[in-house]
Amino acid sequence: MAKHKFQQSKSAAAAQAPATSKPTATVVVAAPVVNVAPPTGAPKTVEEVAGFTAAQLIVVYGNKSNAIRGMAALGMKPGPISKTLGIIYQHARNVLKRPLKKAVAEVQATTATPGTTAEGANKAAA
């Protein structure tokens, strides 16, 4: 079966390469460093959020998810949160709808009593 014209074997590609070609150096240009000075504290009202950049909000709260939760605690809805942080609406909505794993584990640990799980019921019956 004949190969497609773009699927040449390595030996055919090597035969077509010029004999005097030298390897070229790849120049890597670093992205400019943006100086993000963290603000003194987290915003206390929705109006104060407008004074912060997305990068500053992420620095204040620690990560995007915490920034989303913090802004929602101020009363902001997912749409304005996503526009402020420069993320898609669905990310903000998913963060607000999904419970924190740590919080779920703490609730389960504090509310678990012997006999409520199958394992505990077996121990209580014995």
PDB file of N, CA and C in Angstrom:
ATOM      1  N   MET A   1       0.841  -1.168   0.000  1.00  0.00           N
ATOM      2  CA  MET A   1       0.000   0.000   0.000  1.00  0.00           C
ATOM      3  C   MET A   1       0.891   1.238   0.000  1.00  0.00           C
ATOM      4  N   ALA A   2       0.593   2.187  -0.835  1.00  0.00           N
ATOM      5  CA  ALA A   2       1.401   3.397  -0.968  1.00  0.00           C
ATOM      6  C   ALA A   2       1.092   4.350   0.174  1.00  0.00           C
ATOM      7  N   LYS A   3       2.124   5.008   0.655  1.00  0.00           N
ATOM      8  CA  LYS A   3       1.946   5.973   1.727  1.00  0.00           C
ATOM      9  C   LYS A   3       1.425   7.284   1.153  1.00  0.00           C
ATOM     10  N   HIS A   4       0.736   7.983   1.991  1.00  0.00           N
ATOM     11  CA  HIS A   4       0.264   9.316   1.600  1.00  0.00           C
ATOM     12  C   HIS A   4       1.478  10.199   1.366  1.00  0.00           C
ATOM     13  N   LYS A   5       1.321  11.221   0.531  1.00  0.00           N
ATOM     14  CA  LYS A   5       2.494  12.026   0.182  1.00  0.00           C
ATOM     15  C   LYS A   5       3.108  12.743   1.383  1.00  0.00           C
ATOM     16  N   PHE A   6       2.331  12.911   2.469  1.00  0.00           N
ATOM     17  CA  PHE A   6       2.877  13.569   3.653  1.00  0.00           C
ATOM     18  C   PHE A   6       3.449  12.569   4.651  1.00  0.00           C
ATOM     19  N   GLN A   7       3.213  11.292   4.428  1.00  0.00           N
ATOM     20  CA  GLN A   7       3.695  10.265   5.338  1.00  0.00           C
ATOM     21  C   GLN A   7       4.905   9.570   4.730  1.00  0.00           C
ATOM     22  N   GLN A   8       6.015  10.255   4.720  1.00  0.00           N
ATOM     23  CA  GLN A   8       7.235   9.684   4.173  1.00  0.00           C
ATOM     24  C   GLN A   8       7.963   8.912   5.259  1.00  0.00           C
ATOM     25  N   SER A   9       8.710   7.947   4.847  1.00  0.00           N
ATOM     26  CA  SER A   9       9.517   7.228   5.812  1.00  0.00           C
ATOM     27  C   SER A   9      10.675   8.123   6.244  1.00  0.00           C
ATOM     28  N   LYS A  10      11.317   7.765   7.341  1.00  0.00           N
ATOM     29  CA  LYS A  10      12.426   8.569   7.842  1.00  0.00           C
ATOM     30  C   LYS A  10      13.588   8.608   6.861  1.00  0.00           C
ATOM     31  N   SER A  11      13.842   7.517   6.200  1.00  0.00           N
ATOM     32  CA  SER A  11      14.961   7.498   5.260  1.00  0.00           C
ATOM     33  C   SER A  11      14.664   8.384   4.056  1.00  0.00           C
ATOM     34  N   ALA A  12      13.418   8.429   3.599  1.00  0.00           N
ATOM     35  CA  ALA A  12      13.050   9.289   2.472  1.00  0.00           C
ATOM     36  C   ALA A  12      13.142  10.754   2.875  1.00  0.00           C
ATOM     37  N   ALA A  13      12.727  11.074   4.092  1.00  0.00           N
ATOM     38  CA  ALA A  13      12.799  12.454   4.568  1.00  0.00           C
ATOM     39  C   ALA A  13      14.250  12.883   4.728  1.00  0.00           C
ATOM     40  N   ALA A  14      15.115  11.980   5.177  1.00  0.00           N
ATOM     41  CA  ALA A  14      16.525  12.305   5.342  1.00  0.00           C
ATOM     42  C   ALA A  14      17.195  12.508   3.991  1.00  0.00           C
ATOM     43  N   ALA A  15      16.759  11.750   2.984  1.00  0.00           N
ATOM     44  CA  ALA A  15      17.338  11.885   1.658  1.00  0.00           C
ATOM     45  C   ALA A  15      16.976  13.228   1.025  1.00  0.00           C
ATOM     46  N   GLN A  16      15.828  13.767   1.371  1.00  0.00           N
ATOM     47  CA  GLN A  16      15.397  15.039   0.803  1.00  0.00           C
ATOM     48  C   GLN A  16      15.970  16.238   1.536  1.00  0.00           C
ATOM     49  N   ALA A  17      16.484  16.067   2.732  1.00  0.00           N
ATOM     50  CA  ALA A  17      17.032  17.181   3.499  1.00  0.00           C
ATOM     51  C   ALA A  17      18.333  17.641   2.859  1.00  0.00           C
ATOM     52  N   PRO A  18      18.567  18.948   2.810  1.00  0.00           N
ATOM     53  CA  PRO A  18      19.828  19.426   2.244  1.00  0.00           C
ATOM     54  C   PRO A  18      21.014  18.960   3.081  1.00  0.00           C
ATOM     55  N   ALA A  19      22.100  18.641   2.414  1.00  0.00           N
ATOM     56  CA  ALA A  19      23.273  18.076   3.080  1.00  0.00           C
ATOM     57  C   ALA A  19      23.987  19.103   3.943  1.00  0.00           C
ATOM     58  N   THR A  20      23.852  20.377   3.636  1.00  0.00           N
ATOM     59  CA  THR A  20      24.585  21.398   4.375  1.00  0.00           C
ATOM     60  C   THR A  20      23.738  22.084   5.442  1.00  0.00           C
ATOM     61  N   SER A  21      22.603  21.540   5.774  1.00  0.00           N
ATOM     62  CA  SER A  21      21.750  22.211   6.760  1.00  0.00           C
ATOM     63  C   SER A  21      22.369  22.093   8.150  1.00  0.00           C
ATOM     64  N   LYS A  22      22.344  23.197   8.867  1.00  0.00           N
ATOM     65  CA  LYS A  22      22.849  23.238  10.234  1.00  0.00           C
ATOM     66  C   LYS A  22      21.666  23.313  11.182  1.00  0.00           C
ATOM     67  N   PRO A  23      21.805  22.737  12.352  1.00  0.00           N
ATOM     68  CA  PRO A  23      20.704  22.851  13.306  1.00  0.00           C
ATOM     69  C   PRO A  23      20.506  24.317  13.700  1.00  0.00           C
ATOM     70  N   THR A  24      19.262  24.700  13.791  1.00  0.00           N
ATOM     71  CA  THR A  24      18.963  26.080  14.167  1.00  0.00           C
ATOM     72  C   THR A  24      18.707  26.152  15.662  1.00  0.00           C
ATOM     73  N   ALA A  25      19.067  27.258  16.235  1.00  0.00           N
ATOM     74  CA  ALA A  25      18.845  27.455  17.667  1.00  0.00           C
ATOM     75  C   ALA A  25      17.430  27.968  17.892  1.00  0.00           C
ATOM     76  N   THR A  26      16.799  27.475  18.919  1.00  0.00           N
ATOM     77  CA  THR A  26      15.465  27.923  19.268  1.00  0.00           C
ATOM     78  C   THR A  26      15.603  29.041  20.293  1.00  0.00           C
ATOM     79  N   VAL A  27      14.991  30.155  19.993  1.00  0.00           N
ATOM     80  CA  VAL A  27      15.039  31.295  20.903  1.00  0.00           C
ATOM     81  C   VAL A  27      13.778  31.285  21.742  1.00  0.00           C
ATOM     82  N   VAL A  28      13.940  31.260  23.042  1.00  0.00           N
ATOM     83  CA  VAL A  28      12.809  31.262  23.956  1.00  0.00           C
ATOM     84  C   VAL A  28      12.719  32.641  24.588  1.00  0.00           C
ATOM     85  N   VAL A  29      11.571  33.260  24.418  1.00  0.00           N
ATOM     86  CA  VAL A  29      11.352  34.582  24.993  1.00  0.00           C
ATOM     87  C   VAL A  29      10.472  34.407  26.215  1.00  0.00           C
ATOM     88  N   ALA A  30      10.946  34.854  27.344  1.00  0.00           N
ATOM     89  CA  ALA A  30      10.187  34.727  28.578  1.00  0.00           C
ATOM     90  C   ALA A  30       9.051  35.733  28.602  1.00  0.00           C
ATOM     91  N   ALA A  31       7.961  35.332  29.224  1.00  0.00           N
ATOM     92  CA  ALA A  31       6.821  36.230  29.362  1.00  0.00           C
ATOM     93  C   ALA A  31       7.197  37.355  30.324  1.00  0.00           C
ATOM     94  N   PRO A  32       6.675  38.547  30.097  1.00  0.00           N
ATOM     95  CA  PRO A  32       7.001  39.642  30.997  1.00  0.00           C
ATOM     96  C   PRO A  32       6.473  39.375  32.399  1.00  0.00           C
ATOM     97  N   VAL A  33       7.248  39.732  33.379  1.00  0.00           N
ATOM     98  CA  VAL A  33       6.856  39.537  34.770  1.00  0.00           C
ATOM     99  C   VAL A  33       5.927  40.673  35.165  1.00  0.00           C
ATOM    100  N   VAL A  34       4.753  40.303  35.640  1.00  0.00           N
ATOM    101  CA  VAL A  34       3.785  41.294  36.058  1.00  0.00           C
ATOM    102  C   VAL A  34       3.900  41.445  37.574  1.00  0.00           C
ATOM    103  N   ASN A  35       4.104  42.651  38.007  1.00  0.00           N
ATOM    104  CA  ASN A  35       4.226  42.915  39.430  1.00  0.00           C
ATOM    105  C   ASN A  35       2.830  42.984  40.036  1.00  0.00           C
ATOM    106  N   VAL A  36       2.468  41.965  40.779  1.00  0.00           N
ATOM    107  CA  VAL A  36       1.167  41.922  41.425  1.00  0.00           C
ATOM    108  C   VAL A  36       1.383  42.133  42.911  1.00  0.00           C
ATOM    109  N   ALA A  37       1.120  43.334  43.352  1.00  0.00           N
ATOM    110  CA  ALA A  37       1.252  43.632  44.771  1.00  0.00           C
ATOM    111  C   ALA A  37      -0.039  43.213  45.464  1.00  0.00           C
ATOM    112  N   PRO A  38       0.053  42.328  46.436  1.00  0.00           N
ATOM    113  CA  PRO A  38      -1.174  41.909  47.107  1.00  0.00           C
ATOM    114  C   PRO A  38      -1.779  43.063  47.895  1.00  0.00           C
ATOM    115  N   PRO A  39      -3.094  43.222  47.811  1.00  0.00           N
ATOM    116  CA  PRO A  39      -3.735  44.271  48.594  1.00  0.00           C
ATOM    117  C   PRO A  39      -3.655  43.957  50.075  1.00  0.00           C
ATOM    118  N   THR A  40      -3.934  44.938  50.890  1.00  0.00           N
ATOM    119  CA  THR A  40      -3.787  44.762  52.335  1.00  0.00           C
ATOM    120  C   THR A  40      -4.765  43.764  52.903  1.00  0.00           C
ATOM    121  N   GLY A  41      -5.943  43.667  52.326  1.00  0.00           N
ATOM    122  CA  GLY A  41      -6.922  42.715  52.839  1.00  0.00           C
ATOM    123  C   GLY A  41      -7.975  42.419  51.806  1.00  0.00           C
ATOM    124  N   ALA A  42      -8.796  41.458  52.136  1.00  0.00           N
ATOM    125  CA  ALA A  42      -9.863  41.074  51.219  1.00  0.00           C
ATOM    126  C   ALA A  42     -10.943  42.153  51.198  1.00  0.00           C
ATOM    127  N   PRO A  43     -11.616  42.302  50.066  1.00  0.00           N
ATOM    128  CA  PRO A  43     -12.684  43.293  49.996  1.00  0.00           C
ATOM    129  C   PRO A  43     -13.830  42.933  50.931  1.00  0.00           C
ATOM    130  N   LYS A  44     -14.420  43.958  51.528  1.00  0.00           N
ATOM    131  CA  LYS A  44     -15.508  43.739  52.491  1.00  0.00           C
ATOM    132  C   LYS A  44     -16.886  43.924  51.863  1.00  0.00           C
ATOM    133  N   THR A  45     -16.953  44.619  50.730  1.00  0.00           N
ATOM    134  CA  THR A  45     -18.225  44.848  50.053  1.00  0.00           C
ATOM    135  C   THR A  45     -18.059  44.587  48.567  1.00  0.00           C
ATOM    136  N   VAL A  46     -19.199  44.468  47.880  1.00  0.00           N
ATOM    137  CA  VAL A  46     -19.173  44.238  46.435  1.00  0.00           C
ATOM    138  C   VAL A  46     -18.535  45.428  45.727  1.00  0.00           C
ATOM    139  N   GLU A  47     -18.763  46.630  46.227  1.00  0.00           N
ATOM    140  CA  GLU A  47     -18.191  47.831  45.619  1.00  0.00           C
ATOM    141  C   GLU A  47     -16.666  47.825  45.705  1.00  0.00           C
ATOM    142  N   GLU A  48     -16.114  47.288  46.781  1.00  0.00           N
ATOM    143  CA  GLU A  48     -14.659  47.226  46.941  1.00  0.00           C
ATOM    144  C   GLU A  48     -14.030  46.231  45.963  1.00  0.00           C
ATOM    145  N   VAL A  49     -14.791  45.231  45.549  1.00  0.00           N
ATOM    146  CA  VAL A  49     -14.266  44.235  44.613  1.00  0.00           C
ATOM    147  C   VAL A  49     -13.861  44.914  43.310  1.00  0.00           C
ATOM    148  N   ALA A  50     -14.591  45.946  42.904  1.00  0.00           N
ATOM    149  CA  ALA A  50     -14.303  46.642  41.647  1.00  0.00           C
ATOM    150  C   ALA A  50     -12.925  47.297  41.671  1.00  0.00           C
ATOM    151  N   GLY A  51     -12.387  47.596  42.847  1.00  0.00           N
ATOM    152  CA  GLY A  51     -11.081  48.219  42.959  1.00  0.00           C
ATOM    153  C   GLY A  51      -9.920  47.245  42.856  1.00  0.00           C
ATOM    154  N   PHE A  52     -10.197  45.975  42.771  1.00  0.00           N
ATOM    155  CA  PHE A  52      -9.162  44.946  42.705  1.00  0.00           C
ATOM    156  C   PHE A  52      -9.090  44.360  41.302  1.00  0.00           C
ATOM    157  N   THR A  53      -7.905  43.973  40.887  1.00  0.00           N
ATOM    158  CA  THR A  53      -7.761  43.231  39.635  1.00  0.00           C
ATOM    159  C   THR A  53      -7.990  41.752  39.932  1.00  0.00           C
ATOM    160  N   ALA A  54      -8.186  40.968  38.884  1.00  0.00           N
ATOM    161  CA  ALA A  54      -8.397  39.530  39.062  1.00  0.00           C
ATOM    162  C   ALA A  54      -7.186  38.893  39.750  1.00  0.00           C
ATOM    163  N   ALA A  55      -5.979  39.288  39.347  1.00  0.00           N
ATOM    164  CA  ALA A  55      -4.763  38.720  39.948  1.00  0.00           C
ATOM    165  C   ALA A  55      -4.671  39.072  41.429  1.00  0.00           C
ATOM    166  N   GLN A  56      -5.048  40.288  41.787  1.00  0.00           N
ATOM    167  CA  GLN A  56      -5.007  40.689  43.192  1.00  0.00           C
ATOM    168  C   GLN A  56      -6.022  39.908  44.015  1.00  0.00           C
ATOM    169  N   LEU A  57      -7.208  39.686  43.461  1.00  0.00           N
ATOM    170  CA  LEU A  57      -8.221  38.908  44.188  1.00  0.00           C
ATOM    171  C   LEU A  57      -7.747  37.485  44.418  1.00  0.00           C
ATOM    172  N   ILE A  58      -7.097  36.908  43.429  1.00  0.00           N
ATOM    173  CA  ILE A  58      -6.606  35.531  43.568  1.00  0.00           C
ATOM    174  C   ILE A  58      -5.500  35.472  44.612  1.00  0.00           C
ATOM    175  N   VAL A  59      -4.642  36.500  44.656  1.00  0.00           N
ATOM    176  CA  VAL A  59      -3.574  36.543  45.662  1.00  0.00           C
ATOM    177  C   VAL A  59      -4.178  36.683  47.061  1.00  0.00           C
ATOM    178  N   VAL A  60      -5.180  37.545  47.203  1.00  0.00           N
ATOM    179  CA  VAL A  60      -5.797  37.772  48.514  1.00  0.00           C
ATOM    180  C   VAL A  60      -6.455  36.501  49.035  1.00  0.00           C
ATOM    181  N   TYR A  61      -7.209  35.833  48.179  1.00  0.00           N
ATOM    182  CA  TYR A  61      -7.953  34.658  48.623  1.00  0.00           C
ATOM    183  C   TYR A  61      -7.142  33.363  48.558  1.00  0.00           C
ATOM    184  N   GLY A  62      -6.029  33.350  47.860  1.00  0.00           N
ATOM    185  CA  GLY A  62      -5.186  32.165  47.806  1.00  0.00           C
ATOM    186  C   GLY A  62      -5.287  31.395  46.509  1.00  0.00           C
ATOM    187  N   ASN A  63      -6.480  31.247  45.963  1.00  0.00           N
ATOM    188  CA  ASN A  63      -6.671  30.586  44.667  1.00  0.00           C
ATOM    189  C   ASN A  63      -8.005  31.031  44.080  1.00  0.00           C
ATOM    190  N   LYS A  64      -8.280  30.614  42.861  1.00  0.00           N
ATOM    191  CA  LYS A  64      -9.496  31.066  42.181  1.00  0.00           C
ATOM    192  C   LYS A  64     -10.755  30.578  42.882  1.00  0.00           C
ATOM    193  N   SER A  65     -10.742  29.333  43.330  1.00  0.00           N
ATOM    194  CA  SER A  65     -11.940  28.786  43.967  1.00  0.00           C
ATOM    195  C   SER A  65     -12.273  29.543  45.244  1.00  0.00           C
ATOM    196  N   ASN A  66     -11.278  29.840  46.039  1.00  0.00           N
ATOM    197  CA  ASN A  66     -11.521  30.610  47.258  1.00  0.00           C
ATOM    198  C   ASN A  66     -11.981  32.026  46.934  1.00  0.00           C
ATOM    199  N   ALA A  67     -11.445  32.601  45.858  1.00  0.00           N
ATOM    200  CA  ALA A  67     -11.881  33.934  45.440  1.00  0.00           C
ATOM    201  C   ALA A  67     -13.350  33.895  45.026  1.00  0.00           C
ATOM    202  N   ILE A  68     -13.751  32.850  44.326  1.00  0.00           N
ATOM    203  CA  ILE A  68     -15.149  32.706  43.925  1.00  0.00           C
ATOM    204  C   ILE A  68     -16.038  32.593  45.153  1.00  0.00           C
ATOM    205  N   ARG A  69     -15.641  31.765  46.112  1.00  0.00           N
ATOM    206  CA  ARG A  69     -16.444  31.595  47.328  1.00  0.00           C
ATOM    207  C   ARG A  69     -16.506  32.884  48.141  1.00  0.00           C
ATOM    208  N   GLY A  70     -15.385  33.593  48.224  1.00  0.00           N
ATOM    209  CA  GLY A  70     -15.352  34.843  48.976  1.00  0.00           C
ATOM    210  C   GLY A  70     -16.227  35.909  48.346  1.00  0.00           C
ATOM    211  N   MET A  71     -16.195  36.002  47.025  1.00  0.00           N
ATOM    212  CA  MET A  71     -17.021  36.990  46.340  1.00  0.00           C
ATOM    213  C   MET A  71     -18.500  36.625  46.433  1.00  0.00           C
ATOM    214  N   ALA A  72     -18.807  35.328  46.423  1.00  0.00           N
ATOM    215  CA  ALA A  72     -20.193  34.891  46.583  1.00  0.00           C
ATOM    216  C   ALA A  72     -20.692  35.198  47.993  1.00  0.00           C
ATOM    217  N   ALA A  73     -19.793  35.094  48.968  1.00  0.00           N
ATOM    218  CA  ALA A  73     -20.172  35.423  50.344  1.00  0.00           C
ATOM    219  C   ALA A  73     -20.519  36.902  50.490  1.00  0.00           C
ATOM    220  N   LEU A  74     -19.974  37.740  49.607  1.00  0.00           N
ATOM    221  CA  LEU A  74     -20.310  39.160  49.614  1.00  0.00           C
ATOM    222  C   LEU A  74     -21.649  39.436  48.937  1.00  0.00           C
ATOM    223  N   GLY A  75     -22.200  38.421  48.276  1.00  0.00           N
ATOM    224  CA  GLY A  75     -23.496  38.573  47.632  1.00  0.00           C
ATOM    225  C   GLY A  75     -23.440  38.624  46.119  1.00  0.00           C
ATOM    226  N   MET A  76     -22.272  38.387  45.539  1.00  0.00           N
ATOM    227  CA  MET A  76     -22.160  38.421  44.086  1.00  0.00           C
ATOM    228  C   MET A  76     -22.664  37.110  43.491  1.00  0.00           C
ATOM    229  N   LYS A  77     -23.236  37.196  42.297  1.00  0.00           N
ATOM    230  CA  LYS A  77     -23.722  36.020  41.583  1.00  0.00           C
ATOM    231  C   LYS A  77     -22.629  35.498  40.652  1.00  0.00           C
ATOM    232  N   PRO A  78     -22.757  34.251  40.157  1.00  0.00           N
ATOM    233  CA  PRO A  78     -21.699  33.658  39.328  1.00  0.00           C
ATOM    234  C   PRO A  78     -21.342  34.467  38.077  1.00  0.00           C
ATOM    235  N   GLY A  79     -22.299  35.122  37.445  1.00  0.00           N
ATOM    236  CA  GLY A  79     -22.019  35.898  36.234  1.00  0.00           C
ATOM    237  C   GLY A  79     -21.030  37.028  36.487  1.00  0.00           C
ATOM    238  N   PRO A  80     -21.333  37.939  37.424  1.00  0.00           N
ATOM    239  CA  PRO A  80     -20.374  39.008  37.722  1.00  0.00           C
ATOM    240  C   PRO A  80     -19.047  38.498  38.282  1.00  0.00           C
ATOM    241  N   ILE A  81     -19.077  37.399  39.028  1.00  0.00           N
ATOM    242  CA  ILE A  81     -17.831  36.814  39.548  1.00  0.00           C
ATOM    243  C   ILE A  81     -16.956  36.367  38.387  1.00  0.00           C
ATOM    244  N   SER A  82     -17.555  35.672  37.412  1.00  0.00           N
ATOM    245  CA  SER A  82     -16.770  35.172  36.281  1.00  0.00           C
ATOM    246  C   SER A  82     -16.198  36.320  35.458  1.00  0.00           C
ATOM    247  N   LYS A  83     -16.942  37.398  35.293  1.00  0.00           N
ATOM    248  CA  LYS A  83     -16.429  38.545  34.543  1.00  0.00           C
ATOM    249  C   LYS A  83     -15.295  39.232  35.300  1.00  0.00           C
ATOM    250  N   THR A  84     -15.419  39.335  36.604  1.00  0.00           N
ATOM    251  CA  THR A  84     -14.397  39.983  37.417  1.00  0.00           C
ATOM    252  C   THR A  84     -13.093  39.199  37.401  1.00  0.00           C
ATOM    253  N   LEU A  85     -13.184  37.872  37.495  1.00  0.00           N
ATOM    254  CA  LEU A  85     -11.985  37.039  37.555  1.00  0.00           C
ATOM    255  C   LEU A  85     -11.486  36.611  36.183  1.00  0.00           C
ATOM    256  N   GLY A  86     -12.254  36.876  35.129  1.00  0.00           N
ATOM    257  CA  GLY A  86     -11.832  36.495  33.788  1.00  0.00           C
ATOM    258  C   GLY A  86     -11.903  34.999  33.555  1.00  0.00           C
ATOM    259  N   ILE A  87     -12.917  34.353  34.125  1.00  0.00           N
ATOM    260  CA  ILE A  87     -13.106  32.913  33.958  1.00  0.00           C
ATOM    261  C   ILE A  87     -14.460  32.675  33.317  1.00  0.00           C
ATOM    262  N   ILE A  88     -14.741  31.440  32.931  1.00  0.00           N
ATOM    263  CA  ILE A  88     -16.044  31.159  32.351  1.00  0.00           C
ATOM    264  C   ILE A  88     -17.083  31.023  33.465  1.00  0.00           C
ATOM    265  N   TYR A  89     -18.321  31.304  33.106  1.00  0.00           N
ATOM    266  CA  TYR A  89     -19.428  31.259  34.059  1.00  0.00           C
ATOM    267  C   TYR A  89     -19.526  29.890  34.711  1.00  0.00           C
ATOM    268  N   GLN A  90     -19.352  28.839  33.913  1.00  0.00           N
ATOM    269  CA  GLN A  90     -19.539  27.488  34.425  1.00  0.00           C
ATOM    270  C   GLN A  90     -18.550  27.150  35.540  1.00  0.00           C
ATOM    271  N   HIS A  91     -17.335  27.677  35.462  1.00  0.00           N
ATOM    272  CA  HIS A  91     -16.353  27.434  36.529  1.00  0.00           C
ATOM    273  C   HIS A  91     -16.859  28.025  37.841  1.00  0.00           C
ATOM    274  N   ALA A  92     -17.335  29.273  37.784  1.00  0.00           N
ATOM    275  CA  ALA A  92     -17.836  29.916  39.003  1.00  0.00           C
ATOM    276  C   ALA A  92     -19.040  29.155  39.552  1.00  0.00           C
ATOM    277  N   ARG A  93     -19.938  28.752  38.684  1.00  0.00           N
ATOM    278  CA  ARG A  93     -21.135  28.044  39.126  1.00  0.00           C
ATOM    279  C   ARG A  93     -20.778  26.694  39.741  1.00  0.00           C
ATOM    280  N   ASN A  94     -19.865  25.969  39.102  1.00  0.00           N
ATOM    281  CA  ASN A  94     -19.470  24.654  39.625  1.00  0.00           C
ATOM    282  C   ASN A  94     -18.826  24.761  41.000  1.00  0.00           C
ATOM    283  N   VAL A  95     -17.997  25.773  41.194  1.00  0.00           N
ATOM    284  CA  VAL A  95     -17.344  25.950  42.495  1.00  0.00           C
ATOM    285  C   VAL A  95     -18.388  26.213  43.568  1.00  0.00           C
ATOM    286  N   LEU A  96     -19.399  27.014  43.237  1.00  0.00           N
ATOM    287  CA  LEU A  96     -20.420  27.350  44.233  1.00  0.00           C
ATOM    288  C   LEU A  96     -21.382  26.204  44.487  1.00  0.00           C
ATOM    289  N   LYS A  97     -21.604  25.348  43.509  1.00  0.00           N
ATOM    290  CA  LYS A  97     -22.533  24.227  43.680  1.00  0.00           C
ATOM    291  C   LYS A  97     -21.901  23.032  44.362  1.00  0.00           C
ATOM    292  N   ARG A  98     -20.601  22.843  44.169  1.00  0.00           N
ATOM    293  CA  ARG A  98     -19.917  21.673  44.718  1.00  0.00           C
ATOM    294  C   ARG A  98     -19.458  21.972  46.145  1.00  0.00           C
ATOM    295  N   PRO A  99     -19.811  21.122  47.110  1.00  0.00           N
ATOM    296  CA  PRO A  99     -19.355  21.365  48.481  1.00  0.00           C
ATOM    297  C   PRO A  99     -17.858  21.095  48.621  1.00  0.00           C
ATOM    298  N   LEU A 100     -17.258  21.757  49.591  1.00  0.00           N
ATOM    299  CA  LEU A 100     -15.841  21.538  49.864  1.00  0.00           C
ATOM    300  C   LEU A 100     -15.631  20.139  50.419  1.00  0.00           C
ATOM    301  N   LYS A 101     -14.593  19.464  49.970  1.00  0.00           N
ATOM    302  CA  LYS A 101     -14.322  18.113  50.447  1.00  0.00           C
ATOM    303  C   LYS A 101     -13.985  18.112  51.929  1.00  0.00           C
ATOM    304  N   LYS A 102     -13.248  19.146  52.369  1.00  0.00           N
ATOM    305  CA  LYS A 102     -12.879  19.218  53.784  1.00  0.00           C
ATOM    306  C   LYS A 102     -14.117  19.383  54.650  1.00  0.00           C
ATOM    307  N   ALA A 103     -15.045  20.235  54.216  1.00  0.00           N
ATOM    308  CA  ALA A 103     -16.253  20.481  54.993  1.00  0.00           C
ATOM    309  C   ALA A 103     -17.116  19.229  55.060  1.00  0.00           C
ATOM    310  N   VAL A 104     -17.220  18.505  53.967  1.00  0.00           N
ATOM    311  CA  VAL A 104     -18.007  17.279  53.941  1.00  0.00           C
ATOM    312  C   VAL A 104     -17.388  16.248  54.870  1.00  0.00           C
ATOM    313  N   ALA A 105     -16.069  16.114  54.852  1.00  0.00           N
ATOM    314  CA  ALA A 105     -15.387  15.144  55.716  1.00  0.00           C
ATOM    315  C   ALA A 105     -15.572  15.499  57.192  1.00  0.00           C
ATOM    316  N   GLU A 106     -15.519  16.804  57.519  1.00  0.00           N
ATOM    317  CA  GLU A 106     -15.701  17.229  58.904  1.00  0.00           C
ATOM    318  C   GLU A 106     -17.115  16.944  59.385  1.00  0.00           C
ATOM    319  N   VAL A 107     -18.106  17.194  58.534  1.00  0.00           N
ATOM    320  CA  VAL A 107     -19.493  16.933  58.910  1.00  0.00           C
ATOM    321  C   VAL A 107     -19.712  15.449  59.110  1.00  0.00           C
ATOM    322  N   GLN A 108     -19.155  14.638  58.225  1.00  0.00           N
ATOM    323  CA  GLN A 108     -19.311  13.195  58.359  1.00  0.00           C
ATOM    324  C   GLN A 108     -18.623  12.690  59.623  1.00  0.00           C
ATOM    325  N   ALA A 109     -17.474  13.267  59.965  1.00  0.00           N
ATOM    326  CA  ALA A 109     -16.750  12.823  61.157  1.00  0.00           C
ATOM    327  C   ALA A 109     -17.490  13.220  62.434  1.00  0.00           C
ATOM    328  N   THR A 110     -18.110  14.388  62.441  1.00  0.00           N
ATOM    329  CA  THR A 110     -18.786  14.840  63.659  1.00  0.00           C
ATOM    330  C   THR A 110     -20.156  14.215  63.825  1.00  0.00           C
ATOM    331  N   THR A 111     -20.799  13.830  62.739  1.00  0.00           N
ATOM    332  CA  THR A 111     -22.146  13.271  62.853  1.00  0.00           C
ATOM    333  C   THR A 111     -22.165  11.757  62.866  1.00  0.00           C
ATOM    334  N   ALA A 112     -21.049  11.104  62.601  1.00  0.00           N
ATOM    335  CA  ALA A 112     -21.009   9.644  62.590  1.00  0.00           C
ATOM    336  C   ALA A 112     -21.101   9.126  64.018  1.00  0.00           C
ATOM    337  N   THR A 113     -22.083   8.287  64.255  1.00  0.00           N
ATOM    338  CA  THR A 113     -22.239   7.665  65.564  1.00  0.00           C
ATOM    339  C   THR A 113     -22.224   6.158  65.371  1.00  0.00           C
ATOM    340  N   PRO A 114     -21.836   5.400  66.373  1.00  0.00           N
ATOM    341  CA  PRO A 114     -21.812   3.947  66.223  1.00  0.00           C
ATOM    342  C   PRO A 114     -23.208   3.424  65.897  1.00  0.00           C
ATOM    343  N   GLY A 115     -23.273   2.520  64.940  1.00  0.00           N
ATOM    344  CA  GLY A 115     -24.541   1.925  64.567  1.00  0.00           C
ATOM    345  C   GLY A 115     -25.175   2.596  63.354  1.00  0.00           C
ATOM    346  N   THR A 116     -24.612   3.713  62.892  1.00  0.00           N
ATOM    347  CA  THR A 116     -25.203   4.377  61.736  1.00  0.00           C
ATOM    348  C   THR A 116     -24.669   3.818  60.430  1.00  0.00           C
ATOM    349  N   THR A 117     -23.522   3.205  60.439  1.00  0.00           N
ATOM    350  CA  THR A 117     -22.987   2.581  59.233  1.00  0.00           C
ATOM    351  C   THR A 117     -23.128   1.072  59.372  1.00  0.00           C
ATOM    352  N   ALA A 118     -22.959   0.367  58.295  1.00  0.00           N
ATOM    353  CA  ALA A 118     -23.073  -1.083  58.332  1.00  0.00           C
ATOM    354  C   ALA A 118     -22.013  -1.672  59.258  1.00  0.00           C
ATOM    355  N   GLU A 119     -20.831  -1.109  59.243  1.00  0.00           N
ATOM    356  CA  GLU A 119     -19.744  -1.570  60.088  1.00  0.00           C
ATOM    357  C   GLU A 119     -20.084  -1.321  61.562  1.00  0.00           C
ATOM    358  N   GLY A 120     -20.595  -0.118  61.833  1.00  0.00           N
ATOM    359  CA  GLY A 120     -20.945   0.252  63.193  1.00  0.00           C
ATOM    360  C   GLY A 120     -22.120  -0.565  63.721  1.00  0.00           C
ATOM    361  N   ALA A 121     -23.063  -0.880  62.830  1.00  0.00           N
ATOM    362  CA  ALA A 121     -24.216  -1.687  63.240  1.00  0.00           C
ATOM    363  C   ALA A 121     -23.775  -3.085  63.638  1.00  0.00           C
ATOM    364  N   ASN A 122     -22.814  -3.654  62.907  1.00  0.00           N
ATOM    365  CA  ASN A 122     -22.306  -4.978  63.248  1.00  0.00           C
ATOM    366  C   ASN A 122     -21.598  -4.949  64.594  1.00  0.00           C
ATOM    367  N   LYS A 123     -20.830  -3.877  64.855  1.00  0.00           N
ATOM    368  CA  LYS A 123     -20.121  -3.774  66.138  1.00  0.00           C
ATOM    369  C   LYS A 123     -21.110  -3.571  67.279  1.00  0.00           C
ATOM    370  N   ALA A 124     -22.166  -2.775  67.045  1.00  0.00           N
ATOM    371  CA  ALA A 124     -23.130  -2.516  68.089  1.00  0.00           C
ATOM    372  C   ALA A 124     -23.940  -3.772  68.414  1.00  0.00           C
ATOM    373  N   ALA A 125     -24.192  -4.596  67.414  1.00  0.00           N
ATOM    374  CA  ALA A 125     -24.974  -5.824  67.623  1.00  0.00           C
ATOM    375  C   ALA A 125     -24.145  -6.883  68.342  1.00  0.00           C
ATOM    376  N   ALA A 126     -22.849  -6.838  68.205  1.00  0.00           N
ATOM    377  CA  ALA A 126     -21.997  -7.874  68.778  1.00  0.00           C
ATOM    378  C   ALA A 126     -21.756  -7.700  70.232  1.00  0.00           C
TER     379      ALA A 126
END
